[in-house]
C-alpha cells in the first residue's frame, strides 16, 4: 500500500558513471574497507572522507548496465 506520495520536484537521480580522480577514490575506498563502512556507490565513499561530489546534468537515456535485463534493453535500443 502507498503510504504517501511525495513531491517529485524535490527528487533527482544519480547515474553511472561517477567519476573521481583515481587517488581520491582509492583513498575513499580504502577508508571504507578499513572502517567497515556501508556504501551505495563511489559518491558515498567520497562523502565519508568529507568531500563533495559535483552534479552534472544528464539525460535519462544514459543507460546503466547492471543486469542481463539492462543489457537486453540496451540491445533493443541499439536495434531501433
Protein backbone atom coordinates (compact mmCIF):
# COMPACT_ATOMS: atom_id res chain seq x y z
CA UNK A 1 0.00 0.00 0.00
CA UNK A 2 1.15 3.53 -0.74
CA UNK A 3 1.91 5.42 2.45
CA UNK A 4 2.36 8.85 0.94
CA UNK A 5 3.06 10.44 -2.44
CA UNK A 6 5.98 12.82 -2.21
CA UNK A 7 6.71 15.94 -4.24
CA UNK A 8 8.77 14.60 -7.15
CA UNK A 9 10.18 18.03 -7.95
CA UNK A 10 12.40 17.54 -4.89
CA UNK A 11 13.94 14.33 -6.28
CA UNK A 12 16.91 13.72 -8.56
CA UNK A 13 18.56 10.62 -9.95
CA UNK A 14 22.22 9.69 -9.73
CA UNK A 15 23.61 7.91 -12.76
CA UNK A 16 26.68 5.95 -13.72
CA UNK A 17 29.42 6.65 -14.45
CA UNK A 18 30.52 8.53 -11.40
CA UNK A 19 33.95 9.93 -11.95
CA UNK A 20 36.69 10.87 -9.48
CA UNK A 21 40.42 11.22 -9.65
CA UNK A 22 41.95 7.80 -9.04
CA UNK A 23 43.97 8.79 -5.96
CA UNK A 24 40.97 10.36 -4.21
CA UNK A 25 38.68 7.43 -4.99
CA UNK A 26 41.32 4.90 -3.96
CA UNK A 27 41.77 6.69 -0.62
CA UNK A 28 38.00 6.82 -0.12
CA UNK A 29 37.55 3.13 -0.85
CA UNK A 30 40.46 2.16 1.42
CA UNK A 31 38.77 4.18 4.17
CA UNK A 32 35.52 2.26 3.60
CA UNK A 33 37.27 -1.11 3.90
CA UNK A 34 39.40 -0.06 6.88
CA UNK A 35 36.37 1.21 8.83
CA UNK A 36 33.91 -1.46 7.62
CA UNK A 37 31.56 1.21 6.28
CA UNK A 38 28.50 0.56 4.15
CA UNK A 39 28.35 2.45 0.88
CA UNK A 40 25.93 2.51 -2.03
CA UNK A 41 28.29 3.85 -4.69
CA UNK A 42 31.53 5.72 -5.26
CA UNK A 43 29.93 9.02 -4.23
CA UNK A 44 29.05 7.70 -0.78
CA UNK A 45 32.66 6.62 -0.22
CA UNK A 46 33.77 10.15 -1.15
CA UNK A 47 31.24 11.60 1.31
CA UNK A 48 32.77 9.57 4.16
CA UNK A 49 36.01 11.50 3.56
CA UNK A 50 34.09 14.74 3.99
CA UNK A 51 34.42 15.60 0.31
CA UNK A 52 31.72 16.72 -2.09
CA UNK A 53 30.63 15.44 -5.48
CA UNK A 54 29.72 17.71 -8.36
CA UNK A 55 26.38 17.04 -10.03
CA UNK A 56 26.35 17.21 -13.82
CA UNK A 57 23.05 17.43 -15.70
CA UNK A 58 22.42 14.43 -17.92
CA UNK A 59 19.71 12.55 -19.75
CA UNK A 60 17.65 9.53 -18.67
CA UNK A 61 18.82 7.88 -21.88
CA UNK A 62 22.20 7.27 -20.19
CA UNK A 63 21.57 3.55 -19.55
CA UNK A 64 23.26 1.76 -16.68
CA UNK A 65 24.13 -1.86 -17.47
CA UNK A 66 23.93 -3.84 -14.23
CA UNK A 67 21.80 -6.86 -15.00
CA UNK A 68 21.10 -9.07 -18.01
CA UNK A 69 17.77 -7.27 -18.41
CA UNK A 70 19.62 -3.95 -18.71
CA UNK A 71 21.75 -5.43 -21.48
CA UNK A 72 18.61 -6.66 -23.24
CA UNK A 73 17.16 -3.14 -23.10
CA UNK A 74 20.37 -1.62 -24.46
CA UNK A 75 20.38 -4.14 -27.31
CA UNK A 76 16.75 -3.26 -28.04
CA UNK A 77 17.59 0.45 -28.28
CA UNK A 78 20.62 -0.22 -30.48
CA UNK A 79 18.47 -2.16 -32.96
CA UNK A 80 15.94 0.67 -33.39
